[in-house]
Amino acid sequence: MYTALLIVMILAGIALSASILLMSPKGGLGAGIAGIGGGGDFGARKGIEKTLTRSAQISGLIFLICVLILPYLS
């Protein structure tokens, strides 16, 4: 159970990080990491932004639950 919870926590952390980096206003993963962005189409990605926001919220909640449960398993 402990190992499964650690795997879920790592996957949720990766998903959370990726969705936050992709939500950069300048677009793309490179813009979130290095600040380099190429793109001025700010209004064209409303559906994707909503999906990324929802996935960030869900993965953050899963990560938080795993962090709170982890100390009680030994």
PDB file of N, CA and C in Angstrom:
ATOM      1  N   MET A   1       0.823  -1.196   0.000  1.00  0.00           N
ATOM      2  CA  MET A   1       0.000   0.000   0.000  1.00  0.00           C
ATOM      3  C   MET A   1       0.867   1.259   0.000  1.00  0.00           C
ATOM      4  N   TYR A   2       1.958   1.210   0.768  1.00  0.00           N
ATOM      5  CA  TYR A   2       2.856   2.347   0.865  1.00  0.00           C
ATOM      6  C   TYR A   2       3.486   2.657  -0.494  1.00  0.00           C
ATOM      7  N   THR A   3       3.935   1.607  -1.195  1.00  0.00           N
ATOM      8  CA  THR A   3       4.568   1.791  -2.498  1.00  0.00           C
ATOM      9  C   THR A   3       3.567   2.307  -3.530  1.00  0.00           C
ATOM     10  N   ALA A   4       2.367   1.772  -3.504  1.00  0.00           N
ATOM     11  CA  ALA A   4       1.336   2.231  -4.445  1.00  0.00           C
ATOM     12  C   ALA A   4       1.009   3.700  -4.212  1.00  0.00           C
ATOM     13  N   LEU A   5       0.943   4.103  -2.948  1.00  0.00           N
ATOM     14  CA  LEU A   5       0.653   5.502  -2.630  1.00  0.00           C
ATOM     15  C   LEU A   5       1.786   6.417  -3.090  1.00  0.00           C
ATOM     16  N   LEU A   6       3.033   5.954  -2.941  1.00  0.00           N
ATOM     17  CA  LEU A   6       4.160   6.748  -3.431  1.00  0.00           C
ATOM     18  C   LEU A   6       4.127   6.895  -4.944  1.00  0.00           C
ATOM     19  N   ILE A   7       3.773   5.832  -5.651  1.00  0.00           N
ATOM     20  CA  ILE A   7       3.691   5.904  -7.112  1.00  0.00           C
ATOM     21  C   ILE A   7       2.590   6.864  -7.547  1.00  0.00           C
ATOM     22  N   VAL A   8       1.435   6.793  -6.877  1.00  0.00           N
ATOM     23  CA  VAL A   8       0.331   7.708  -7.194  1.00  0.00           C
ATOM     24  C   VAL A   8       0.742   9.146  -6.908  1.00  0.00           C
ATOM     25  N   MET A   9       1.459   9.359  -5.811  1.00  0.00           N
ATOM     26  CA  MET A   9       1.886  10.707  -5.452  1.00  0.00           C
ATOM     27  C   MET A   9       2.888  11.256  -6.472  1.00  0.00           C
ATOM     28  N   ILE A  10       3.807  10.425  -6.934  1.00  0.00           N
ATOM     29  CA  ILE A  10       4.786  10.872  -7.929  1.00  0.00           C
ATOM     30  C   ILE A  10       4.092  11.200  -9.252  1.00  0.00           C
ATOM     31  N   LEU A  11       3.178  10.341  -9.676  1.00  0.00           N
ATOM     32  CA  LEU A  11       2.451  10.600 -10.930  1.00  0.00           C
ATOM     33  C   LEU A  11       1.582  11.852 -10.833  1.00  0.00           C
ATOM     34  N   ALA A  12       0.946  12.061  -9.681  1.00  0.00           N
ATOM     35  CA  ALA A  12       0.134  13.268  -9.501  1.00  0.00           C
ATOM     36  C   ALA A  12       1.016  14.515  -9.495  1.00  0.00           C
ATOM     37  N   GLY A  13       2.188  14.423  -8.909  1.00  0.00           N
ATOM     38  CA  GLY A  13       3.113  15.556  -8.908  1.00  0.00           C
ATOM     39  C   GLY A  13       3.605  15.908 -10.298  1.00  0.00           C
ATOM     40  N   ILE A  14       3.891  14.875 -11.092  1.00  0.00           N
ATOM     41  CA  ILE A  14       4.325  15.116 -12.466  1.00  0.00           C
ATOM     42  C   ILE A  14       3.195  15.741 -13.286  1.00  0.00           C
ATOM     43  N   ALA A  15       1.985  15.207 -13.120  1.00  0.00           N
ATOM     44  CA  ALA A  15       0.840  15.763 -13.848  1.00  0.00           C
ATOM     45  C   ALA A  15       0.561  17.201 -13.427  1.00  0.00           C
ATOM     46  N   LEU A  16       0.694  17.482 -12.143  1.00  0.00           N
ATOM     47  CA  LEU A  16       0.476  18.843 -11.642  1.00  0.00           C
ATOM     48  C   LEU A  16       1.512  19.800 -12.211  1.00  0.00           C
ATOM     49  N   SER A  17       2.771  19.398 -12.191  1.00  0.00           N
ATOM     50  CA  SER A  17       3.841  20.251 -12.723  1.00  0.00           C
ATOM     51  C   SER A  17       3.657  20.512 -14.213  1.00  0.00           C
ATOM     52  N   ALA A  18       3.340  19.460 -14.956  1.00  0.00           N
ATOM     53  CA  ALA A  18       3.169  19.614 -16.400  1.00  0.00           C
ATOM     54  C   ALA A  18       1.993  20.519 -16.734  1.00  0.00           C
ATOM     55  N   SER A  19       0.886  20.356 -16.031  1.00  0.00           N
ATOM     56  CA  SER A  19      -0.280  21.185 -16.339  1.00  0.00           C
ATOM     57  C   SER A  19      -0.051  22.638 -15.945  1.00  0.00           C
ATOM     58  N   ILE A  20       0.700  22.886 -14.890  1.00  0.00           N
ATOM     59  CA  ILE A  20       1.001  24.265 -14.505  1.00  0.00           C
ATOM     60  C   ILE A  20       1.954  24.903 -15.518  1.00  0.00           C
ATOM     61  N   LEU A  21       2.957  24.142 -15.966  1.00  0.00           N
ATOM     62  CA  LEU A  21       3.891  24.689 -16.953  1.00  0.00           C
ATOM     63  C   LEU A  21       3.213  24.956 -18.287  1.00  0.00           C
ATOM     64  N   LEU A  22       2.253  24.130 -18.661  1.00  0.00           N
ATOM     65  CA  LEU A  22       1.560  24.333 -19.927  1.00  0.00           C
ATOM     66  C   LEU A  22       0.552  25.467 -19.872  1.00  0.00           C
ATOM     67  N   MET A  23       0.185  25.925 -18.685  1.00  0.00           N
ATOM     68  CA  MET A  23      -0.767  27.030 -18.557  1.00  0.00           C
ATOM     69  C   MET A  23      -0.100  28.399 -18.660  1.00  0.00           C
ATOM     70  N   SER A  24       1.142  28.439 -19.075  1.00  0.00           N
ATOM     71  CA  SER A  24       1.853  29.702 -19.210  1.00  0.00           C
ATOM     72  C   SER A  24       1.135  30.595 -20.215  1.00  0.00           C
ATOM     73  N   PRO A  25       1.005  31.886 -19.945  1.00  0.00           N
ATOM     74  CA  PRO A  25       0.268  32.763 -20.856  1.00  0.00           C
ATOM     75  C   PRO A  25       0.941  32.931 -22.220  1.00  0.00           C
ATOM     76  N   LYS A  26       2.235  32.686 -22.311  1.00  0.00           N
ATOM     77  CA  LYS A  26       2.912  32.807 -23.599  1.00  0.00           C
ATOM     78  C   LYS A  26       2.884  31.501 -24.369  1.00  0.00           C
ATOM     79  N   GLY A  27       2.396  30.443 -23.758  1.00  0.00           N
ATOM     80  CA  GLY A  27       2.165  29.191 -24.463  1.00  0.00           C
ATOM     81  C   GLY A  27       3.369  28.285 -24.519  1.00  0.00           C
ATOM     82  N   GLY A  28       3.132  27.017 -24.326  1.00  0.00           N
ATOM     83  CA  GLY A  28       4.151  26.004 -24.519  1.00  0.00           C
ATOM     84  C   GLY A  28       4.938  25.687 -23.281  1.00  0.00           C
ATOM     85  N   LEU A  29       5.607  24.553 -23.324  1.00  0.00           N
ATOM     86  CA  LEU A  29       6.404  24.079 -22.202  1.00  0.00           C
ATOM     87  C   LEU A  29       7.674  24.901 -22.058  1.00  0.00           C
ATOM     88  N   GLY A  30       8.258  25.345 -23.166  1.00  0.00           N
ATOM     89  CA  GLY A  30       9.473  26.150 -23.117  1.00  0.00           C
ATOM     90  C   GLY A  30       9.248  27.477 -22.434  1.00  0.00           C
ATOM     91  N   ALA A  31       8.079  28.038 -22.581  1.00  0.00           N
ATOM     92  CA  ALA A  31       7.783  29.320 -21.951  1.00  0.00           C
ATOM     93  C   ALA A  31       7.676  29.167 -20.444  1.00  0.00           C
ATOM     94  N   GLY A  32       7.184  28.037 -19.995  1.00  0.00           N
ATOM     95  CA  GLY A  32       7.066  27.822 -18.556  1.00  0.00           C
ATOM     96  C   GLY A  32       8.399  27.555 -17.909  1.00  0.00           C
ATOM     97  N   ILE A  33       9.318  26.927 -18.632  1.00  0.00           N
ATOM     98  CA  ILE A  33      10.618  26.582 -18.066  1.00  0.00           C
ATOM     99  C   ILE A  33      11.613  27.724 -18.215  1.00  0.00           C
ATOM    100  N   ALA A  34      11.812  28.189 -19.440  1.00  0.00           N
ATOM    101  CA  ALA A  34      12.871  29.152 -19.691  1.00  0.00           C
ATOM    102  C   ALA A  34      12.370  30.571 -19.898  1.00  0.00           C
ATOM    103  N   GLY A  35      11.085  30.759 -19.976  1.00  0.00           N
ATOM    104  CA  GLY A  35      10.557  32.078 -20.214  1.00  0.00           C
ATOM    105  C   GLY A  35      10.572  32.479 -21.678  1.00  0.00           C
ATOM    106  N   ILE A  36      10.872  31.512 -22.541  1.00  0.00           N
ATOM    107  CA  ILE A  36      10.921  31.779 -23.973  1.00  0.00           C
ATOM    108  C   ILE A  36       9.561  31.432 -24.554  1.00  0.00           C
ATOM    109  N   GLY A  37       8.948  32.364 -25.171  1.00  0.00           N
ATOM    110  CA  GLY A  37       7.631  32.079 -25.726  1.00  0.00           C
ATOM    111  C   GLY A  37       7.502  32.610 -27.134  1.00  0.00           C
ATOM    112  N   GLY A  38       6.788  31.877 -27.913  1.00  0.00           N
ATOM    113  CA  GLY A  38       6.527  32.371 -29.241  1.00  0.00           C
ATOM    114  C   GLY A  38       5.058  32.159 -29.536  1.00  0.00           C
ATOM    115  N   GLY A  39       4.311  33.159 -29.505  1.00  0.00           N
ATOM    116  CA  GLY A  39       2.896  32.975 -29.799  1.00  0.00           C
ATOM    117  C   GLY A  39       2.108  34.111 -29.199  1.00  0.00           C
ATOM    118  N   GLY A  40       1.264  34.655 -29.982  1.00  0.00           N
ATOM    119  CA  GLY A  40       0.456  35.742 -29.489  1.00  0.00           C
ATOM    120  C   GLY A  40      -1.017  35.422 -29.541  1.00  0.00           C
ATOM    121  N   ASP A  41      -1.362  34.157 -29.678  1.00  0.00           N
ATOM    122  CA  ASP A  41      -2.768  33.770 -29.771  1.00  0.00           C
ATOM    123  C   ASP A  41      -3.305  33.472 -28.376  1.00  0.00           C
ATOM    124  N   PHE A  42      -3.630  34.520 -27.645  1.00  0.00           N
ATOM    125  CA  PHE A  42      -4.041  34.343 -26.259  1.00  0.00           C
ATOM    126  C   PHE A  42      -5.489  33.890 -26.132  1.00  0.00           C
ATOM    127  N   GLY A  43      -6.338  34.182 -27.082  1.00  0.00           N
ATOM    128  CA  GLY A  43      -7.741  33.869 -26.941  1.00  0.00           C
ATOM    129  C   GLY A  43      -8.183  32.602 -27.632  1.00  0.00           C
ATOM    130  N   ALA A  44      -7.274  31.875 -28.250  1.00  0.00           N
ATOM    131  CA  ALA A  44      -7.667  30.740 -29.069  1.00  0.00           C
ATOM    132  C   ALA A  44      -7.692  29.415 -28.308  1.00  0.00           C
ATOM    133  N   ARG A  45      -7.282  29.408 -27.048  1.00  0.00           N
ATOM    134  CA  ARG A  45      -7.130  28.147 -26.348  1.00  0.00           C
ATOM    135  C   ARG A  45      -8.024  28.041 -25.116  1.00  0.00           C
ATOM    136  N   LYS A  46      -9.218  28.547 -25.182  1.00  0.00           N
ATOM    137  CA  LYS A  46     -10.094  28.541 -24.009  1.00  0.00           C
ATOM    138  C   LYS A  46     -10.446  27.132 -23.556  1.00  0.00           C
ATOM    139  N   GLY A  47     -10.731  26.228 -24.478  1.00  0.00           N
ATOM    140  CA  GLY A  47     -11.078  24.865 -24.108  1.00  0.00           C
ATOM    141  C   GLY A  47      -9.905  24.131 -23.489  1.00  0.00           C
ATOM    142  N   ILE A  48      -8.712  24.347 -24.057  1.00  0.00           N
ATOM    143  CA  ILE A  48      -7.511  23.703 -23.537  1.00  0.00           C
ATOM    144  C   ILE A  48      -7.161  24.270 -22.168  1.00  0.00           C
ATOM    145  N   GLU A  49      -7.305  25.571 -21.999  1.00  0.00           N
ATOM    146  CA  GLU A  49      -7.007  26.192 -20.712  1.00  0.00           C
ATOM    147  C   GLU A  49      -7.936  25.672 -19.622  1.00  0.00           C
ATOM    148  N   LYS A  50      -9.201  25.492 -19.977  1.00  0.00           N
ATOM    149  CA  LYS A  50     -10.156  24.965 -19.001  1.00  0.00           C
ATOM    150  C   LYS A  50      -9.787  23.533 -18.609  1.00  0.00           C
ATOM    151  N   THR A  51      -9.392  22.727 -19.598  1.00  0.00           N
ATOM    152  CA  THR A  51      -8.989  21.352 -19.324  1.00  0.00           C
ATOM    153  C   THR A  51      -7.719  21.309 -18.479  1.00  0.00           C
ATOM    154  N   LEU A  52      -6.756  22.170 -18.790  1.00  0.00           N
ATOM    155  CA  LEU A  52      -5.518  22.204 -18.015  1.00  0.00           C
ATOM    156  C   LEU A  52      -5.767  22.667 -16.583  1.00  0.00           C
ATOM    157  N   THR A  53      -6.647  23.639 -16.419  1.00  0.00           N
ATOM    158  CA  THR A  53      -6.978  24.106 -15.081  1.00  0.00           C
ATOM    159  C   THR A  53      -7.636  23.001 -14.269  1.00  0.00           C
ATOM    160  N   ARG A  54      -8.570  22.293 -14.886  1.00  0.00           N
ATOM    161  CA  ARG A  54      -9.259  21.192 -14.199  1.00  0.00           C
ATOM    162  C   ARG A  54      -8.277  20.071 -13.850  1.00  0.00           C
ATOM    163  N   SER A  55      -7.372  19.740 -14.770  1.00  0.00           N
ATOM    164  CA  SER A  55      -6.409  18.674 -14.487  1.00  0.00           C
ATOM    165  C   SER A  55      -5.427  19.095 -13.397  1.00  0.00           C
ATOM    166  N   ALA A  56      -5.064  20.376 -13.355  1.00  0.00           N
ATOM    167  CA  ALA A  56      -4.189  20.860 -12.287  1.00  0.00           C
ATOM    168  C   ALA A  56      -4.887  20.779 -10.933  1.00  0.00           C
ATOM    169  N   GLN A  57      -6.170  21.113 -10.906  1.00  0.00           N
ATOM    170  CA  GLN A  57      -6.914  21.040  -9.652  1.00  0.00           C
ATOM    171  C   GLN A  57      -7.053  19.603  -9.166  1.00  0.00           C
ATOM    172  N   ILE A  58      -7.378  18.697 -10.068  1.00  0.00           N
ATOM    173  CA  ILE A  58      -7.577  17.300  -9.681  1.00  0.00           C
ATOM    174  C   ILE A  58      -6.257  16.667  -9.258  1.00  0.00           C
ATOM    175  N   SER A  59      -5.194  16.885 -10.028  1.00  0.00           N
ATOM    176  CA  SER A  59      -3.909  16.292  -9.655  1.00  0.00           C
ATOM    177  C   SER A  59      -3.363  16.910  -8.370  1.00  0.00           C
ATOM    178  N   GLY A  60      -3.621  18.186  -8.144  1.00  0.00           N
ATOM    179  CA  GLY A  60      -3.214  18.812  -6.884  1.00  0.00           C
ATOM    180  C   GLY A  60      -3.967  18.244  -5.697  1.00  0.00           C
ATOM    181  N   LEU A  61      -5.243  17.977  -5.878  1.00  0.00           N
ATOM    182  CA  LEU A  61      -6.039  17.370  -4.809  1.00  0.00           C
ATOM    183  C   LEU A  61      -5.576  15.950  -4.511  1.00  0.00           C
ATOM    184  N   ILE A  62      -5.305  15.175  -5.551  1.00  0.00           N
ATOM    185  CA  ILE A  62      -4.796  13.813  -5.355  1.00  0.00           C
ATOM    186  C   ILE A  62      -3.446  13.849  -4.646  1.00  0.00           C
ATOM    187  N   PHE A  63      -2.575  14.770  -5.045  1.00  0.00           N
ATOM    188  CA  PHE A  63      -1.267  14.911  -4.403  1.00  0.00           C
ATOM    189  C   PHE A  63      -1.419  15.281  -2.926  1.00  0.00           C
ATOM    190  N   LEU A  64      -2.309  16.205  -2.626  1.00  0.00           N
ATOM    191  CA  LEU A  64      -2.530  16.625  -1.246  1.00  0.00           C
ATOM    192  C   LEU A  64      -3.061  15.486  -0.390  1.00  0.00           C
ATOM    193  N   ILE A  65      -4.003  14.717  -0.929  1.00  0.00           N
ATOM    194  CA  ILE A  65      -4.550  13.580  -0.184  1.00  0.00           C
ATOM    195  C   ILE A  65      -3.462  12.548   0.090  1.00  0.00           C
ATOM    196  N   CYS A  66      -2.624  12.284  -0.917  1.00  0.00           N
ATOM    197  CA  CYS A  66      -1.533  11.322  -0.722  1.00  0.00           C
ATOM    198  C   CYS A  66      -0.549  11.798   0.334  1.00  0.00           C
ATOM    199  N   VAL A  67      -0.246  13.087   0.318  1.00  0.00           N
ATOM    200  CA  VAL A  67       0.689  13.641   1.304  1.00  0.00           C
ATOM    201  C   VAL A  67       0.104  13.536   2.726  1.00  0.00           C
ATOM    202  N   LEU A  68      -1.200  13.738   2.853  1.00  0.00           N
ATOM    203  CA  LEU A  68      -1.812  13.679   4.172  1.00  0.00           C
ATOM    204  C   LEU A  68      -1.969  12.239   4.678  1.00  0.00           C
ATOM    205  N   ILE A  69      -2.141  11.280   3.779  1.00  0.00           N
ATOM    206  CA  ILE A  69      -2.318   9.888   4.179  1.00  0.00           C
ATOM    207  C   ILE A  69      -0.992   9.189   4.431  1.00  0.00           C
ATOM    208  N   LEU A  70       0.056   9.578   3.712  1.00  0.00           N
ATOM    209  CA  LEU A  70       1.342   8.901   3.743  1.00  0.00           C
ATOM    210  C   LEU A  70       1.935   8.713   5.147  1.00  0.00           C
ATOM    211  N   PRO A  71       1.902   9.694   6.038  1.00  0.00           N
ATOM    212  CA  PRO A  71       2.514   9.479   7.358  1.00  0.00           C
ATOM    213  C   PRO A  71       1.815   8.405   8.213  1.00  0.00           C
ATOM    214  N   TYR A  72       0.566   8.118   7.924  1.00  0.00           N
ATOM    215  CA  TYR A  72      -0.179   7.155   8.732  1.00  0.00           C
ATOM    216  C   TYR A  72       0.035   5.714   8.267  1.00  0.00           C
ATOM    217  N   LEU A  73       0.706   5.539   7.143  1.00  0.00           N
ATOM    218  CA  LEU A  73       1.025   4.183   6.658  1.00  0.00           C
ATOM    219  C   LEU A  73       2.471   3.879   7.004  1.00  0.00           C
ATOM    220  N   SER A  74       2.693   2.725   7.560  1.00  0.00           N
ATOM    221  CA  SER A  74       4.085   2.348   7.848  1.00  0.00           C
ATOM    222  C   SER A  74       4.271   0.863   7.799  1.00  0.00           C
TER     223      SER A  74
END
